[in-house]
N, C-alpha and C. Protein backbone atom coordinates (compact mmCIF):
# COMPACT_ATOMS: atom_id res chain seq x y z
N MET A 1 96.89 100.26 111.29
CA MET A 1 96.99 99.50 110.06
C MET A 1 98.21 99.94 109.25
N GLU A 2 98.40 101.25 109.16
CA GLU A 2 99.54 101.77 108.41
C GLU A 2 100.86 101.34 109.04
N GLY A 3 100.90 101.31 110.36
CA GLY A 3 102.10 100.88 111.06
C GLY A 3 102.41 99.41 110.80
N GLU A 4 101.36 98.60 110.71
CA GLU A 4 101.55 97.18 110.42
C GLU A 4 102.13 96.98 109.03
N ALA A 5 101.65 97.77 108.07
CA ALA A 5 102.14 97.67 106.70
C ALA A 5 103.61 98.10 106.63
N ALA A 6 103.95 99.15 107.34
CA ALA A 6 105.34 99.62 107.36
C ALA A 6 106.24 98.57 108.00
N HIS A 7 105.74 97.95 109.06
CA HIS A 7 106.52 96.92 109.75
C HIS A 7 106.73 95.72 108.82
N ALA A 8 105.67 95.29 108.15
CA ALA A 8 105.76 94.16 107.22
C ALA A 8 106.72 94.47 106.09
N HIS A 9 106.67 95.69 105.59
CA HIS A 9 107.57 96.08 104.49
C HIS A 9 109.02 96.07 104.96
N ALA A 10 109.27 96.59 106.15
CA ALA A 10 110.64 96.62 106.69
C ALA A 10 111.16 95.20 106.90
N GLN A 11 110.29 94.30 107.39
CA GLN A 11 110.71 92.91 107.57
C GLN A 11 111.01 92.25 106.22
N TYR A 12 110.18 92.54 105.22
CA TYR A 12 110.40 92.01 103.87
C TYR A 12 111.74 92.49 103.32
N GLN A 13 112.02 93.79 103.51
CA GLN A 13 113.27 94.35 103.03
C GLN A 13 114.47 93.74 103.75
N ARG A 14 114.32 93.48 105.04
CA ARG A 14 115.40 92.85 105.81
C ARG A 14 115.66 91.43 105.30
N ASP A 15 114.58 90.70 105.03
CA ASP A 15 114.72 89.34 104.49
C ASP A 15 115.36 89.37 103.11
N LYS A 16 114.98 90.34 102.31
CA LYS A 16 115.56 90.49 100.97
C LYS A 16 117.06 90.79 101.09
N ALA A 17 117.43 91.61 102.06
CA ALA A 17 118.84 91.92 102.28
C ALA A 17 119.61 90.67 102.67
N GLU A 18 119.04 89.85 103.54
CA GLU A 18 119.70 88.61 103.94
C GLU A 18 119.90 87.69 102.73
N ASN A 19 118.90 87.65 101.85
CA ASN A 19 119.00 86.85 100.64
C ASN A 19 120.15 87.35 99.76
N LEU A 20 120.27 88.66 99.62
CA LEU A 20 121.37 89.23 98.82
C LEU A 20 122.72 88.88 99.43
N LEU A 21 122.82 88.96 100.75
CA LEU A 21 124.08 88.63 101.41
C LEU A 21 124.43 87.16 101.25
N GLN A 22 123.44 86.28 101.29
CA GLN A 22 123.68 84.86 101.07
C GLN A 22 124.14 84.61 99.63
N ARG A 23 123.50 85.27 98.69
CA ARG A 23 123.91 85.13 97.29
C ARG A 23 125.34 85.63 97.10
N ALA A 24 125.72 86.69 97.81
CA ALA A 24 127.07 87.23 97.71
C ALA A 24 128.09 86.20 98.21
N ARG A 25 127.75 85.52 99.31
CA ARG A 25 128.67 84.51 99.86
C ARG A 25 128.84 83.33 98.91
N ARG A 26 127.78 82.98 98.17
CA ARG A 26 127.83 81.83 97.26
C ARG A 26 128.40 82.17 95.88
N SER A 27 128.46 83.45 95.54
CA SER A 27 128.88 83.84 94.20
C SER A 27 130.36 83.53 93.95
N ALA A 28 130.63 82.99 92.78
CA ALA A 28 132.01 82.70 92.39
C ALA A 28 132.66 83.91 91.74
N ASP A 29 131.85 84.89 91.35
CA ASP A 29 132.36 86.10 90.69
C ASP A 29 132.60 87.17 91.75
N PRO A 30 133.86 87.56 91.96
CA PRO A 30 134.18 88.54 93.02
C PRO A 30 133.47 89.89 92.82
N GLU A 31 133.31 90.32 91.58
CA GLU A 31 132.64 91.61 91.33
C GLU A 31 131.16 91.52 91.68
N GLU A 32 130.54 90.41 91.28
CA GLU A 32 129.12 90.22 91.61
C GLU A 32 128.95 90.10 93.11
N ALA A 33 129.84 89.36 93.76
CA ALA A 33 129.76 89.19 95.21
C ALA A 33 129.87 90.54 95.92
N ALA A 34 130.77 91.38 95.48
CA ALA A 34 130.95 92.70 96.09
C ALA A 34 129.70 93.56 95.89
N ARG A 35 129.13 93.51 94.69
CA ARG A 35 127.93 94.29 94.39
C ARG A 35 126.76 93.82 95.24
N LEU A 36 126.56 92.50 95.30
CA LEU A 36 125.47 91.95 96.09
C LEU A 36 125.64 92.25 97.58
N ARG A 37 126.87 92.13 98.07
CA ARG A 37 127.15 92.41 99.47
C ARG A 37 126.84 93.87 99.80
N GLU A 38 127.25 94.78 98.93
CA GLU A 38 126.99 96.21 99.16
C GLU A 38 125.49 96.49 99.17
N GLN A 39 124.78 95.94 98.20
CA GLN A 39 123.32 96.14 98.15
C GLN A 39 122.65 95.56 99.39
N GLY A 40 123.07 94.36 99.76
CA GLY A 40 122.48 93.70 100.92
C GLY A 40 122.73 94.46 102.21
N GLU A 41 123.95 94.95 102.40
CA GLU A 41 124.28 95.68 103.62
C GLU A 41 123.50 96.99 103.70
N GLU A 42 123.38 97.71 102.57
CA GLU A 42 122.63 98.97 102.57
C GLU A 42 121.15 98.72 102.87
N LEU A 43 120.59 97.72 102.23
CA LEU A 43 119.18 97.41 102.43
C LEU A 43 118.92 96.94 103.86
N LYS A 44 119.81 96.14 104.39
CA LYS A 44 119.66 95.65 105.77
C LYS A 44 119.73 96.81 106.76
N GLU A 45 120.66 97.72 106.54
CA GLU A 45 120.80 98.87 107.44
C GLU A 45 119.53 99.72 107.43
N ARG A 46 119.01 100.00 106.22
CA ARG A 46 117.80 100.82 106.12
C ARG A 46 116.59 100.13 106.76
N SER A 47 116.45 98.83 106.52
CA SER A 47 115.29 98.11 107.05
C SER A 47 115.37 98.00 108.57
N GLU A 48 116.55 97.74 109.10
CA GLU A 48 116.69 97.64 110.55
C GLU A 48 116.48 98.99 111.22
N GLN A 49 116.91 100.06 110.56
CA GLN A 49 116.66 101.41 111.10
C GLN A 49 115.16 101.68 111.13
N ALA A 50 114.44 101.30 110.07
CA ALA A 50 112.99 101.49 110.05
C ALA A 50 112.32 100.70 111.16
N LEU A 51 112.78 99.48 111.41
CA LEU A 51 112.21 98.68 112.48
C LEU A 51 112.51 99.27 113.85
N ARG A 52 113.72 99.82 114.03
CA ARG A 52 114.07 100.46 115.31
C ARG A 52 113.22 101.70 115.55
N GLU A 53 113.08 102.53 114.52
CA GLU A 53 112.32 103.77 114.66
C GLU A 53 110.86 103.48 114.98
N GLU A 54 110.36 102.40 114.47
CA GLU A 54 108.97 102.02 114.70
C GLU A 54 108.72 101.73 116.18
N HIS A 55 109.73 101.27 116.90
CA HIS A 55 109.54 100.88 118.29
C HIS A 55 109.95 101.96 119.28
N GLU A 56 110.35 103.13 118.81
CA GLU A 56 110.69 104.20 119.73
C GLU A 56 109.40 104.74 120.35
N PRO A 57 109.37 104.91 121.66
CA PRO A 57 108.14 105.39 122.31
C PRO A 57 107.88 106.87 122.00
N TRP A 58 106.62 107.19 121.87
CA TRP A 58 106.21 108.58 121.69
C TRP A 58 106.13 109.21 123.08
N PRO A 59 106.32 110.53 123.19
CA PRO A 59 106.28 111.17 124.52
C PRO A 59 104.96 110.94 125.25
N ASP A 60 103.86 110.84 124.52
CA ASP A 60 102.56 110.65 125.18
C ASP A 60 102.09 109.19 125.16
N ASP A 61 103.03 108.28 124.93
CA ASP A 61 102.70 106.85 124.89
C ASP A 61 102.21 106.40 126.26
N LEU A 62 101.04 105.78 126.28
CA LEU A 62 100.46 105.34 127.55
C LEU A 62 101.25 104.21 128.18
N HIS A 63 102.05 103.52 127.40
CA HIS A 63 102.82 102.39 127.93
C HIS A 63 104.21 102.79 128.40
N GLU A 64 104.50 104.08 128.34
CA GLU A 64 105.81 104.56 128.75
C GLU A 64 105.96 104.43 130.26
N ARG A 65 107.12 103.97 130.68
CA ARG A 65 107.38 103.82 132.12
C ARG A 65 107.74 105.19 132.71
N TYR A 66 107.22 105.46 133.86
CA TYR A 66 107.49 106.73 134.54
C TYR A 66 108.41 106.47 135.74
N PRO A 67 109.34 107.40 135.97
CA PRO A 67 110.26 107.21 137.11
C PRO A 67 109.48 107.30 138.42
N GLY A 68 109.97 106.56 139.40
CA GLY A 68 109.38 106.69 140.73
C GLY A 68 108.76 105.53 141.20
């Protein structure tokens, strides 16, 4: 359950980052666009890292493939 909540939060943060990046592209104010782009890129990087870490196999994972 906790993993599902973390996954949902990371997806929400990634979507929020995409929204910030879209707003940056539409902004007519260069300073606002730069600020939004920076926030969006940082948030996207953190959320995607959280999603990647979530899918890394544990050493004792029963679904891990074994050589041979």
